[in-house]
């Protein structure tokens, strides 16, 4: 559930993990994101909500430069993590994505063993000197993904053989294996049944002790359950951003109220 509002001191600038200023995103001539300014706090779950096509996933993908992979996409403005501009020409996007993990809508384990799914990132980034260290990293990540007890006796079985909910928790384990500081989740439960969804939501609540978590969700109930901060997007604009409790019970903007009450969607 959402927490009590932060005091001014608790919400000090020191807590800001990600800062976006005047962010614009274009797909060719289509102006998809317009004038977004937002500060996302550390060790907090921030939910992005809004109708389909409103820009929430597009903005999420700005935070780890996934939009770089789309030829016609252009991002303008400034986005910093811990004060460092992530679009600076000297920033290696591969290194950035180790720091900013991502979990997608559909579970997408690699066609490899459970062990190799998790070990892949740490191997690429040279995080382990030997097999024993790699084993330790894999176990820690699987524990953080709340799936260790279910897979510890079949680490060399294919990750694709797991259930949908287990696959998604494996993908979360894979994302945290590189010790990221930020975890992005693009509708991580939309392909899952209610039981698996509840397990992932519980996990998200645990992960915020360690990471800044940003989640895109179509489910307002999910946003209310898992997040402390909520951003409402509409037609490419960030309409309103604030404490989750306030956004859902006393929004300031009429468009937010219309979306929350189901009049637009």
C-alpha atoms as a PDB file:
ATOM      1  CA  UNK A   1       0.000   0.000   0.000  1.00  0.00           C
ATOM      2  CA  UNK A   2       1.087   3.608  -0.314  1.00  0.00           C
ATOM      3  CA  UNK A   3       2.959   5.169   2.553  1.00  0.00           C
ATOM      4  CA  UNK A   4       2.266   8.324   4.508  1.00  0.00           C
ATOM      5  CA  UNK A   5       3.386  11.487   2.697  1.00  0.00           C
ATOM      6  CA  UNK A   6       7.054  12.339   3.087  1.00  0.00           C
ATOM      7  CA  UNK A   7       7.992  15.374   5.120  1.00  0.00           C
ATOM      8  CA  UNK A   8       9.814  18.147   3.306  1.00  0.00           C
ATOM      9  CA  UNK A   9      13.101  17.046   4.823  1.00  0.00           C
ATOM     10  CA  UNK A  10      12.608  13.388   3.859  1.00  0.00           C
ATOM     11  CA  UNK A  11      11.853  14.440   0.289  1.00  0.00           C
ATOM     12  CA  UNK A  12      15.105  16.366   0.105  1.00  0.00           C
ATOM     13  CA  UNK A  13      16.975  16.615  -3.169  1.00  0.00           C
ATOM     14  CA  UNK A  14      19.433  14.002  -1.863  1.00  0.00           C
ATOM     15  CA  UNK A  15      16.741  11.349  -2.381  1.00  0.00           C
ATOM     16  CA  UNK A  16      16.346  12.094  -6.094  1.00  0.00           C
ATOM     17  CA  UNK A  17      17.722   9.219  -8.156  1.00  0.00           C
ATOM     18  CA  UNK A  18      16.479  10.177 -11.615  1.00  0.00           C
ATOM     19  CA  UNK A  19      15.798  13.692 -12.810  1.00  0.00           C
ATOM     20  CA  UNK A  20      14.195  14.571 -16.163  1.00  0.00           C
ATOM     21  CA  UNK A  21      13.945  18.097 -17.533  1.00  0.00           C
ATOM     22  CA  UNK A  22      12.159  19.276 -20.690  1.00  0.00           C
ATOM     23  CA  UNK A  23      12.175  15.770 -22.206  1.00  0.00           C
ATOM     24  CA  UNK A  24      10.776  15.490 -25.730  1.00  0.00           C
ATOM     25  CA  UNK A  25      10.555  12.271 -27.743  1.00  0.00           C
ATOM     26  CA  UNK A  26       9.905  12.135 -31.484  1.00  0.00           C
ATOM     27  CA  UNK A  27       9.211   9.111 -33.676  1.00  0.00           C
ATOM     28  CA  UNK A  28       9.929  10.658 -37.053  1.00  0.00           C
ATOM     29  CA  UNK A  29       7.465  13.578 -37.213  1.00  0.00           C
ATOM     30  CA  UNK A  30       5.307  12.254 -34.371  1.00  0.00           C
ATOM     31  CA  UNK A  31       5.900  14.209 -31.144  1.00  0.00           C
ATOM     32  CA  UNK A  32       5.249  11.379 -28.663  1.00  0.00           C
ATOM     33  CA  UNK A  33       6.482  12.909 -25.365  1.00  0.00           C
ATOM     34  CA  UNK A  34       6.124  16.620 -24.645  1.00  0.00           C
ATOM     35  CA  UNK A  35       7.881  18.755 -22.017  1.00  0.00           C
ATOM     36  CA  UNK A  36       8.243  16.113 -19.295  1.00  0.00           C
ATOM     37  CA  UNK A  37       9.806  17.294 -16.007  1.00  0.00           C
ATOM     38  CA  UNK A  38       9.964  14.798 -13.135  1.00  0.00           C
ATOM     39  CA  UNK A  39      12.156  13.774 -10.192  1.00  0.00           C
ATOM     40  CA  UNK A  40      12.067  10.087  -9.251  1.00  0.00           C
ATOM     41  CA  UNK A  41      13.203   9.201  -5.759  1.00  0.00           C
ATOM     42  CA  UNK A  42      15.535   6.460  -4.637  1.00  0.00           C
ATOM     43  CA  UNK A  43      14.208   3.356  -2.865  1.00  0.00           C
ATOM     44  CA  UNK A  44      10.675   4.184  -3.948  1.00  0.00           C
ATOM     45  CA  UNK A  45       8.223   2.540  -6.341  1.00  0.00           C
ATOM     46  CA  UNK A  46       7.002   5.089  -8.884  1.00  0.00           C
ATOM     47  CA  UNK A  47       4.056   4.050 -11.069  1.00  0.00           C
ATOM     48  CA  UNK A  48       3.366   5.475 -14.529  1.00  0.00           C
ATOM     49  CA  UNK A  49      -0.344   5.269 -15.375  1.00  0.00           C
ATOM     50  CA  UNK A  50      -2.500   6.523 -18.241  1.00  0.00           C
ATOM     51  CA  UNK A  51      -4.474   5.370 -21.286  1.00  0.00           C
ATOM     52  CA  UNK A  52      -2.889   3.204 -24.010  1.00  0.00           C
ATOM     53  CA  UNK A  53      -0.617   5.217 -26.268  1.00  0.00           C
ATOM     54  CA  UNK A  54      -0.217   8.082 -23.790  1.00  0.00           C
ATOM     55  CA  UNK A  55       3.601   7.840 -23.715  1.00  0.00           C
ATOM     56  CA  UNK A  56       4.273   6.112 -20.400  1.00  0.00           C
ATOM     57  CA  UNK A  57       6.258   3.191 -21.879  1.00  0.00           C
ATOM     58  CA  UNK A  58       8.058   5.515 -24.302  1.00  0.00           C
ATOM     59  CA  UNK A  59       9.180   7.705 -21.399  1.00  0.00           C
ATOM     60  CA  UNK A  60      10.179   4.627 -19.342  1.00  0.00           C
ATOM     61  CA  UNK A  61      12.439   3.497 -22.199  1.00  0.00           C
ATOM     62  CA  UNK A  62      14.154   6.901 -22.166  1.00  0.00           C
ATOM     63  CA  UNK A  63      15.516   6.057 -18.714  1.00  0.00           C
ATOM     64  CA  UNK A  64      17.841   3.320 -20.003  1.00  0.00           C
ATOM     65  CA  UNK A  65      18.160   4.554 -23.597  1.00  0.00           C
ATOM     66  CA  UNK A  66      16.214   1.636 -25.038  1.00  0.00           C
ATOM     67  CA  UNK A  67      14.781   4.129 -27.536  1.00  0.00           C
ATOM     68  CA  UNK A  68      18.303   4.308 -29.030  1.00  0.00           C
ATOM     69  CA  UNK A  69      17.506   0.971 -30.682  1.00  0.00           C
ATOM     70  CA  UNK A  70      14.702   2.577 -32.759  1.00  0.00           C
ATOM     71  CA  UNK A  71      16.133   4.344 -35.827  1.00  0.00           C
ATOM     72  CA  UNK A  72      13.410   6.983 -36.183  1.00  0.00           C
ATOM     73  CA  UNK A  73      13.347   7.865 -32.472  1.00  0.00           C
ATOM     74  CA  UNK A  74      14.900  11.112 -31.212  1.00  0.00           C
ATOM     75  CA  UNK A  75      15.128  12.123 -27.554  1.00  0.00           C
ATOM     76  CA  UNK A  76      15.716  15.742 -26.486  1.00  0.00           C
ATOM     77  CA  UNK A  77      16.079  17.322 -23.048  1.00  0.00           C
ATOM     78  CA  UNK A  78      18.120  16.181 -20.079  1.00  0.00           C
ATOM     79  CA  UNK A  79      17.858  13.006 -17.996  1.00  0.00           C
ATOM     80  CA  UNK A  80      20.275  12.429 -15.133  1.00  0.00           C
ATOM     81  CA  UNK A  81      20.867   9.532 -12.741  1.00  0.00           C
ATOM     82  CA  UNK A  82      22.693  10.619  -9.582  1.00  0.00           C
ATOM     83  CA  UNK A  83      23.378  13.909 -11.369  1.00  0.00           C
ATOM     84  CA  UNK A  84      25.086  12.287 -14.396  1.00  0.00           C
ATOM     85  CA  UNK A  85      23.604  12.979 -17.832  1.00  0.00           C
ATOM     86  CA  UNK A  86      22.770   9.541 -19.277  1.00  0.00           C
ATOM     87  CA  UNK A  87      22.648  10.944 -22.835  1.00  0.00           C
ATOM     88  CA  UNK A  88      26.195  12.321 -22.626  1.00  0.00           C
ATOM     89  CA  UNK A  89      28.179  11.057 -25.637  1.00  0.00           C
ATOM     90  CA  UNK A  90      30.714   9.447 -23.309  1.00  0.00           C
ATOM     91  CA  UNK A  91      28.080   7.193 -21.706  1.00  0.00           C
ATOM     92  CA  UNK A  92      28.122   3.610 -22.984  1.00  0.00           C
ATOM     93  CA  UNK A  93      24.470   2.479 -23.263  1.00  0.00           C
ATOM     94  CA  UNK A  94      25.480  -1.127 -22.470  1.00  0.00           C
ATOM     95  CA  UNK A  95      27.059  -0.015 -19.182  1.00  0.00           C
ATOM     96  CA  UNK A  96      24.050   2.201 -18.488  1.00  0.00           C
ATOM     97  CA  UNK A  97      21.702  -0.777 -18.883  1.00  0.00           C
ATOM     98  CA  UNK A  98      23.712  -2.702 -16.302  1.00  0.00           C
ATOM     99  CA  UNK A  99      22.958   0.147 -13.893  1.00  0.00           C
ATOM    100  CA  UNK A 100      19.319   0.466 -15.020  1.00  0.00           C
ATOM    101  CA  UNK A 101      17.776  -3.005 -15.246  1.00  0.00           C
ATOM    102  CA  UNK A 102      14.581  -3.661 -17.201  1.00  0.00           C
ATOM    103  CA  UNK A 103      11.778  -6.197 -17.007  1.00  0.00           C
ATOM    104  CA  UNK A 104       9.390  -6.409 -19.942  1.00  0.00           C
ATOM    105  CA  UNK A 105       5.679  -7.037 -20.311  1.00  0.00           C
ATOM    106  CA  UNK A 106       6.057 -10.596 -21.545  1.00  0.00           C
ATOM    107  CA  UNK A 107       8.473 -12.864 -19.679  1.00  0.00           C
ATOM    108  CA  UNK A 108      11.416 -13.302 -22.053  1.00  0.00           C
ATOM    109  CA  UNK A 109      13.939 -15.768 -20.624  1.00  0.00           C
ATOM    110  CA  UNK A 110      16.868 -16.535 -22.925  1.00  0.00           C
ATOM    111  CA  UNK A 111      16.828 -20.025 -24.504  1.00  0.00           C
ATOM    112  CA  UNK A 112      19.410 -21.088 -21.945  1.00  0.00           C
ATOM    113  CA  UNK A 113      19.453 -22.762 -18.559  1.00  0.00           C
ATOM    114  CA  UNK A 114      18.049 -21.002 -15.501  1.00  0.00           C
ATOM    115  CA  UNK A 115      21.638 -20.570 -14.266  1.00  0.00           C
ATOM    116  CA  UNK A 116      22.901 -19.133 -17.568  1.00  0.00           C
ATOM    117  CA  UNK A 117      19.967 -16.704 -17.804  1.00  0.00           C
ATOM    118  CA  UNK A 118      21.097 -15.069 -14.574  1.00  0.00           C
ATOM    119  CA  UNK A 119      24.856 -15.481 -15.132  1.00  0.00           C
ATOM    120  CA  UNK A 120      24.789 -13.872 -18.587  1.00  0.00           C
ATOM    121  CA  UNK A 121      24.923 -10.203 -17.471  1.00  0.00           C
ATOM    122  CA  UNK A 122      27.514 -10.656 -14.703  1.00  0.00           C
ATOM    123  CA  UNK A 123      29.746 -12.586 -17.181  1.00  0.00           C
ATOM    124  CA  UNK A 124      29.534  -9.832 -19.822  1.00  0.00           C
ATOM    125  CA  UNK A 125      30.376  -7.150 -17.256  1.00  0.00           C
ATOM    126  CA  UNK A 126      33.235  -9.168 -15.708  1.00  0.00           C
ATOM    127  CA  UNK A 127      31.645  -9.204 -12.259  1.00  0.00           C
ATOM    128  CA  UNK A 128      33.019 -12.618 -11.210  1.00  0.00           C
ATOM    129  CA  UNK A 129      36.644 -13.733 -11.048  1.00  0.00           C
ATOM    130  CA  UNK A 130      35.785 -17.418 -10.930  1.00  0.00           C
ATOM    131  CA  UNK A 131      32.985 -19.994 -10.937  1.00  0.00           C
ATOM    132  CA  UNK A 132      32.482 -19.798  -7.161  1.00  0.00           C
ATOM    133  CA  UNK A 133      31.898 -16.026  -7.331  1.00  0.00           C
ATOM    134  CA  UNK A 134      29.530 -16.468 -10.275  1.00  0.00           C
ATOM    135  CA  UNK A 135      27.603 -19.159  -8.365  1.00  0.00           C
ATOM    136  CA  UNK A 136      27.243 -16.716  -5.479  1.00  0.00           C
ATOM    137  CA  UNK A 137      25.977 -13.904  -7.747  1.00  0.00           C
ATOM    138  CA  UNK A 138      23.444 -16.263  -9.380  1.00  0.00           C
ATOM    139  CA  UNK A 139      22.130 -17.497  -6.039  1.00  0.00           C
ATOM    140  CA  UNK A 140      21.851 -13.953  -4.649  1.00  0.00           C
ATOM    141  CA  UNK A 141      19.946 -12.770  -7.728  1.00  0.00           C
ATOM    142  CA  UNK A 142      17.574 -15.757  -7.687  1.00  0.00           C
ATOM    143  CA  UNK A 143      16.901 -15.116  -3.995  1.00  0.00           C
ATOM    144  CA  UNK A 144      16.195 -11.444  -4.749  1.00  0.00           C
ATOM    145  CA  UNK A 145      13.868 -12.607  -7.503  1.00  0.00           C
ATOM    146  CA  UNK A 146      12.037 -14.754  -4.901  1.00  0.00           C
ATOM    147  CA  UNK A 147      12.498 -17.887  -7.000  1.00  0.00           C
ATOM    148  CA  UNK A 148      15.604 -19.594  -5.535  1.00  0.00           C
ATOM    149  CA  UNK A 149      13.702 -22.185  -3.513  1.00  0.00           C
ATOM    150  CA  UNK A 150      11.706 -23.227  -6.579  1.00  0.00           C
ATOM    151  CA  UNK A 151      14.685 -23.669  -8.929  1.00  0.00           C
ATOM    152  CA  UNK A 152      17.768 -24.426  -6.804  1.00  0.00           C
ATOM    153  CA  UNK A 153      17.601 -28.150  -7.645  1.00  0.00           C
ATOM    154  CA  UNK A 154      17.239 -27.600 -11.410  1.00  0.00           C
ATOM    155  CA  UNK A 155      19.511 -24.706 -12.241  1.00  0.00           C
ATOM    156  CA  UNK A 156      20.603 -26.366 -15.481  1.00  0.00           C
ATOM    157  CA  UNK A 157      17.059 -26.918 -16.752  1.00  0.00           C
ATOM    158  CA  UNK A 158      15.884 -24.478 -19.447  1.00  0.00           C
ATOM    159  CA  UNK A 159      14.426 -21.196 -18.194  1.00  0.00           C
ATOM    160  CA  UNK A 160      11.714 -21.491 -20.836  1.00  0.00           C
ATOM    161  CA  UNK A 161      10.370 -24.579 -19.042  1.00  0.00           C
ATOM    162  CA  UNK A 162       9.175 -22.538 -16.050  1.00  0.00           C
ATOM    163  CA  UNK A 163       5.591 -21.294 -15.581  1.00  0.00           C
ATOM    164  CA  UNK A 164       4.766 -17.731 -16.720  1.00  0.00           C
ATOM    165  CA  UNK A 165       5.006 -16.295 -13.223  1.00  0.00           C
ATOM    166  CA  UNK A 166       8.273 -18.120 -12.546  1.00  0.00           C
ATOM    167  CA  UNK A 167       9.678 -16.915 -15.869  1.00  0.00           C
ATOM    168  CA  UNK A 168       8.880 -13.323 -14.940  1.00  0.00           C
ATOM    169  CA  UNK A 169      10.570 -13.708 -11.542  1.00  0.00           C
ATOM    170  CA  UNK A 170      13.553 -15.281 -13.357  1.00  0.00           C
ATOM    171  CA  UNK A 171      13.662 -12.190 -15.608  1.00  0.00           C
ATOM    172  CA  UNK A 172      13.603  -9.981 -12.496  1.00  0.00           C
ATOM    173  CA  UNK A 173      16.474 -12.058 -11.054  1.00  0.00           C
ATOM    174  CA  UNK A 174      18.335 -11.639 -14.347  1.00  0.00           C
ATOM    175  CA  UNK A 175      17.768  -7.865 -14.225  1.00  0.00           C
ATOM    176  CA  UNK A 176      19.094  -7.518 -10.658  1.00  0.00           C
ATOM    177  CA  UNK A 177      22.097  -9.834 -11.210  1.00  0.00           C
ATOM    178  CA  UNK A 178      24.219  -6.950 -12.529  1.00  0.00           C
ATOM    179  CA  UNK A 179      23.591  -5.022  -9.276  1.00  0.00           C
ATOM    180  CA  UNK A 180      21.607  -2.208 -10.914  1.00  0.00           C
ATOM    181  CA  UNK A 181      20.544   0.883  -8.998  1.00  0.00           C
ATOM    182  CA  UNK A 182      17.285   1.380 -10.887  1.00  0.00           C
ATOM    183  CA  UNK A 183      14.777  -1.253 -11.992  1.00  0.00           C
ATOM    184  CA  UNK A 184      12.343  -0.429 -14.804  1.00  0.00           C
ATOM    185  CA  UNK A 185       9.257  -2.613 -15.244  1.00  0.00           C
ATOM    186  CA  UNK A 186       7.021  -2.285 -18.298  1.00  0.00           C
ATOM    187  CA  UNK A 187       3.674  -3.853 -17.330  1.00  0.00           C
ATOM    188  CA  UNK A 188       5.419  -6.819 -15.694  1.00  0.00           C
ATOM    189  CA  UNK A 189       2.184  -8.553 -14.663  1.00  0.00           C
ATOM    190  CA  UNK A 190      -0.026  -8.081 -17.725  1.00  0.00           C
ATOM    191  CA  UNK A 191       0.662 -11.628 -18.993  1.00  0.00           C
ATOM    192  CA  UNK A 192       0.329 -13.260 -15.554  1.00  0.00           C
ATOM    193  CA  UNK A 193      -2.548 -14.864 -13.654  1.00  0.00           C
ATOM    194  CA  UNK A 194      -3.736 -13.309 -10.341  1.00  0.00           C
ATOM    195  CA  UNK A 195      -1.614 -15.599  -8.126  1.00  0.00           C
ATOM    196  CA  UNK A 196       1.583 -14.918 -10.087  1.00  0.00           C
ATOM    197  CA  UNK A 197       0.696 -11.204 -10.150  1.00  0.00           C
ATOM    198  CA  UNK A 198       0.393 -11.169  -6.344  1.00  0.00           C
ATOM    199  CA  UNK A 199       3.820 -12.847  -6.045  1.00  0.00           C
ATOM    200  CA  UNK A 200       5.452 -10.284  -8.352  1.00  0.00           C
ATOM    201  CA  UNK A 201       3.756  -7.385  -6.518  1.00  0.00           C
ATOM    202  CA  UNK A 202       5.057  -8.699  -3.201  1.00  0.00           C
ATOM    203  CA  UNK A 203       8.504  -8.937  -4.762  1.00  0.00           C
ATOM    204  CA  UNK A 204       8.307  -5.336  -6.049  1.00  0.00           C
ATOM    205  CA  UNK A 205       7.623  -4.176  -2.501  1.00  0.00           C
ATOM    206  CA  UNK A 206      10.760  -6.002  -1.306  1.00  0.00           C
ATOM    207  CA  UNK A 207      12.901  -4.715  -4.178  1.00  0.00           C
ATOM    208  CA  UNK A 208      12.253  -1.079  -3.285  1.00  0.00           C
ATOM    209  CA  UNK A 209      14.342  -1.544  -0.147  1.00  0.00           C
ATOM    210  CA  UNK A 210      17.342  -1.793  -2.505  1.00  0.00           C
ATOM    211  CA  UNK A 211      16.400  -0.113  -5.774  1.00  0.00           C
ATOM    212  CA  UNK A 212      14.532   2.787  -7.260  1.00  0.00           C
ATOM    213  CA  UNK A 213      11.690   0.946  -9.044  1.00  0.00           C
ATOM    214  CA  UNK A 214       9.675   2.498 -11.889  1.00  0.00           C
ATOM    215  CA  UNK A 215       6.675   0.527 -13.100  1.00  0.00           C
ATOM    216  CA  UNK A 216       4.347   1.129 -16.043  1.00  0.00           C
ATOM    217  CA  UNK A 217       0.952  -0.405 -15.359  1.00  0.00           C
ATOM    218  CA  UNK A 218      -2.501  -0.378 -16.959  1.00  0.00           C
ATOM    219  CA  UNK A 219      -3.969  -1.447 -13.641  1.00  0.00           C
ATOM    220  CA  UNK A 220      -4.812   1.434 -11.343  1.00  0.00           C
ATOM    221  CA  UNK A 221      -5.393  -1.090  -8.539  1.00  0.00           C
ATOM    222  CA  UNK A 222      -1.845  -2.349  -9.020  1.00  0.00           C
ATOM    223  CA  UNK A 223      -0.438   1.188  -8.975  1.00  0.00           C
ATOM    224  CA  UNK A 224      -2.327   1.858  -5.729  1.00  0.00           C
ATOM    225  CA  UNK A 225      -1.048  -1.383  -4.174  1.00  0.00           C
ATOM    226  CA  UNK A 226       2.645  -1.220  -5.059  1.00  0.00           C
ATOM    227  CA  UNK A 227       3.679   2.410  -5.514  1.00  0.00           C
ATOM    228  CA  UNK A 228       4.430   5.355  -3.261  1.00  0.00           C
ATOM    229  CA  UNK A 229       4.487   7.881  -6.133  1.00  0.00           C
ATOM    230  CA  UNK A 230       2.317   7.984  -9.254  1.00  0.00           C
ATOM    231  CA  UNK A 231       2.698   9.856 -12.541  1.00  0.00           C
ATOM    232  CA  UNK A 232      -0.344  10.239 -14.810  1.00  0.00           C
ATOM    233  CA  UNK A 233       0.409  10.563 -18.531  1.00  0.00           C
ATOM    234  CA  UNK A 234      -2.109  11.703 -21.144  1.00  0.00           C
ATOM    235  CA  UNK A 235      -1.494  12.384 -24.855  1.00  0.00           C
ATOM    236  CA  UNK A 236       2.281  12.581 -24.354  1.00  0.00           C
ATOM    237  CA  UNK A 237       2.100  14.983 -21.405  1.00  0.00           C
ATOM    238  CA  UNK A 238       2.928  14.268 -17.781  1.00  0.00           C
ATOM    239  CA  UNK A 239      -0.301  15.702 -16.402  1.00  0.00           C
ATOM    240  CA  UNK A 240       0.196  15.099 -12.687  1.00  0.00           C
ATOM    241  CA  UNK A 241       2.794  13.563 -10.384  1.00  0.00           C
ATOM    242  CA  UNK A 242       2.649  13.085  -6.634  1.00  0.00           C
ATOM    243  CA  UNK A 243       1.987  10.818  -3.680  1.00  0.00           C
ATOM    244  CA  UNK A 244       0.000   7.783  -4.828  1.00  0.00           C
ATOM    245  CA  UNK A 245      -2.618   8.292  -2.122  1.00  0.00           C
ATOM    246  CA  UNK A 246      -3.261  11.856  -3.207  1.00  0.00           C
ATOM    247  CA  UNK A 247      -3.341  11.080  -6.953  1.00  0.00           C
ATOM    248  CA  UNK A 248      -6.015   8.432  -6.375  1.00  0.00           C
ATOM    249  CA  UNK A 249      -8.131  10.209  -3.773  1.00  0.00           C
ATOM    250  CA  UNK A 250      -7.662  13.915  -4.408  1.00  0.00           C
ATOM    251  CA  UNK A 251      -6.071  14.611  -7.819  1.00  0.00           C
ATOM    252  CA  UNK A 252      -5.441  18.244  -8.734  1.00  0.00           C
ATOM    253  CA  UNK A 253      -6.046  17.963 -12.474  1.00  0.00           C
ATOM    254  CA  UNK A 254      -9.480  17.248 -13.949  1.00  0.00           C
ATOM    255  CA  UNK A 255      -7.925  14.912 -16.544  1.00  0.00           C
ATOM    256  CA  UNK A 256      -6.421  12.774 -13.776  1.00  0.00           C
ATOM    257  CA  UNK A 257      -9.775  12.628 -12.014  1.00  0.00           C
ATOM    258  CA  UNK A 258     -11.519  11.639 -15.253  1.00  0.00           C
ATOM    259  CA  UNK A 259      -9.043   8.799 -15.810  1.00  0.00           C
ATOM    260  CA  UNK A 260      -9.179   7.546 -12.213  1.00  0.00           C
ATOM    261  CA  UNK A 261     -12.988   7.517 -12.263  1.00  0.00           C
ATOM    262  CA  UNK A 262     -13.106   5.790 -15.649  1.00  0.00           C
ATOM    263  CA  UNK A 263     -14.466   8.648 -17.732  1.00  0.00           C
ATOM    264  CA  UNK A 264     -11.414   8.593 -20.023  1.00  0.00           C
ATOM    265  CA  UNK A 265      -9.267   5.552 -20.713  1.00  0.00           C
END
